[in-house]
Amino acid sequence: MATALWIAHVTVTDEDAYMKYAALATEAIAQHGGTFLARGGQAIQKEGRAHPRNVVARFPSLEAANACYESDIYQEALSHARGASERDLVLVEELG
């Protein structure tokens, strides 16, 4: 089974609320076998819309990444991110 990447591009507009999101999201990602590969480090935007925060996590499968997103804890996390950030998120299967 191929692993999958969770790739988020984020602009935070309310740091306090977003930190609540980040704490819950970190827990949800760990519970679903996700590990962070990048989390807000330096980036060079070459094309498209730039966001100051970029996050990449690897999951055991696309199904695990999607289960994480759909989980109750991640949905609770999202309740803090909405209105506190502008986000683009994609789940993509890695080449096997």
Protein backbone atom coordinates (compact mmCIF):
# COMPACT_ATOMS: atom_id res chain seq x y z
CA MET A 1 0.00 0.00 0.00
CA ALA A 2 1.37 3.42 -0.96
CA THR A 3 1.98 6.10 1.63
CA ALA A 4 0.33 9.50 1.30
CA LEU A 5 1.20 13.13 1.92
CA TRP A 6 -0.94 15.75 3.60
CA ILE A 7 0.16 19.09 2.16
CA ALA A 8 -1.19 22.32 3.65
CA HIS A 9 -0.42 25.91 2.72
CA VAL A 10 -1.59 28.32 5.42
CA THR A 11 -1.84 32.00 6.19
CA VAL A 12 -2.70 32.48 9.87
CA THR A 13 -4.94 35.45 10.64
CA ASP A 14 -5.64 34.75 14.35
CA GLU A 15 -2.62 33.24 16.09
CA ASP A 16 -4.38 32.36 19.37
CA ALA A 17 -7.23 30.47 17.72
CA TYR A 18 -4.87 28.81 15.29
CA MET A 19 -2.69 27.48 18.11
CA LYS A 20 -5.79 25.64 19.43
CA TYR A 21 -6.20 24.14 15.96
CA ALA A 22 -2.52 23.14 15.80
CA ALA A 23 -2.60 21.34 19.16
CA LEU A 24 -5.64 19.24 18.24
CA ALA A 25 -4.50 18.66 14.66
CA THR A 26 -1.12 17.40 15.87
CA GLU A 27 -2.89 14.89 18.11
CA ALA A 28 -5.22 13.76 15.30
CA ILE A 29 -2.35 13.34 12.85
CA ALA A 30 -0.35 11.25 15.33
CA GLN A 31 -3.40 9.08 16.12
CA HIS A 32 -3.72 8.23 12.43
CA GLY A 33 -0.07 7.31 11.92
CA GLY A 34 1.00 10.64 10.45
CA THR A 35 4.47 12.09 10.90
CA PHE A 36 5.51 15.64 10.06
CA LEU A 37 8.11 16.13 7.33
CA ALA A 38 7.86 19.93 7.19
CA ARG A 39 6.11 22.32 9.51
CA GLY A 40 6.48 26.02 8.88
CA GLY A 41 10.14 26.03 7.85
CA GLN A 42 11.69 28.21 5.19
CA ALA A 43 10.22 27.94 1.71
CA ILE A 44 10.81 29.48 -1.69
CA GLN A 45 7.55 30.12 -3.56
CA LYS A 46 8.09 29.53 -7.27
CA GLU A 47 4.53 29.50 -8.63
CA GLY A 48 1.01 30.12 -7.42
CA ARG A 49 -0.20 31.85 -4.32
CA ALA A 50 2.28 32.08 -1.44
CA HIS A 51 1.40 31.25 2.15
CA PRO A 52 3.87 31.88 4.97
CA ARG A 53 3.26 28.47 6.60
CA ASN A 54 3.62 25.16 4.77
CA VAL A 55 3.04 21.78 6.39
CA VAL A 56 3.74 18.30 5.02
CA ALA A 57 2.88 15.10 6.88
CA ARG A 58 3.29 11.50 5.71
CA PHE A 59 0.60 8.91 6.44
CA PRO A 60 0.71 5.13 6.00
CA SER A 61 -1.94 5.40 3.25
CA LEU A 62 -4.30 7.81 1.53
CA GLU A 63 -7.11 6.16 3.48
CA ALA A 64 -5.35 6.93 6.79
CA ALA A 65 -4.84 10.57 5.79
CA ASN A 66 -8.49 10.91 4.83
CA ALA A 67 -9.64 9.14 8.01
CA CYS A 68 -7.62 11.67 9.97
CA TYR A 69 -9.28 14.58 8.18
CA GLU A 70 -12.74 13.08 8.72
CA SER A 71 -12.10 12.20 12.39
CA ASP A 72 -13.99 13.90 15.20
CA ILE A 73 -10.80 15.32 16.73
CA TYR A 74 -9.63 16.85 13.45
CA GLN A 75 -13.07 18.29 12.77
CA GLU A 76 -12.92 19.86 16.23
CA ALA A 77 -9.49 21.25 15.34
CA LEU A 78 -10.92 22.72 12.15
CA SER A 79 -13.51 24.62 14.15
CA HIS A 80 -10.59 26.69 15.51
CA ALA A 81 -8.89 27.11 12.11
CA ARG A 82 -11.97 28.44 10.35
CA GLY A 83 -11.92 32.21 10.60
CA ALA A 84 -8.36 32.06 11.97
CA SER A 85 -6.60 31.13 8.73
CA GLU A 86 -6.70 30.90 4.96
CA ARG A 87 -5.76 27.36 3.96
CA ASP A 88 -5.26 25.09 1.01
CA LEU A 89 -5.02 21.37 1.78
CA VAL A 90 -4.48 18.36 -0.44
CA LEU A 91 -4.04 14.67 0.37
CA VAL A 92 -1.98 12.89 -2.27
CA GLU A 93 -0.81 9.31 -2.63
CA GLU A 94 2.93 8.88 -2.99
CA LEU A 95 4.47 6.81 -5.74
CA GLY A 96 4.84 3.22 -4.61
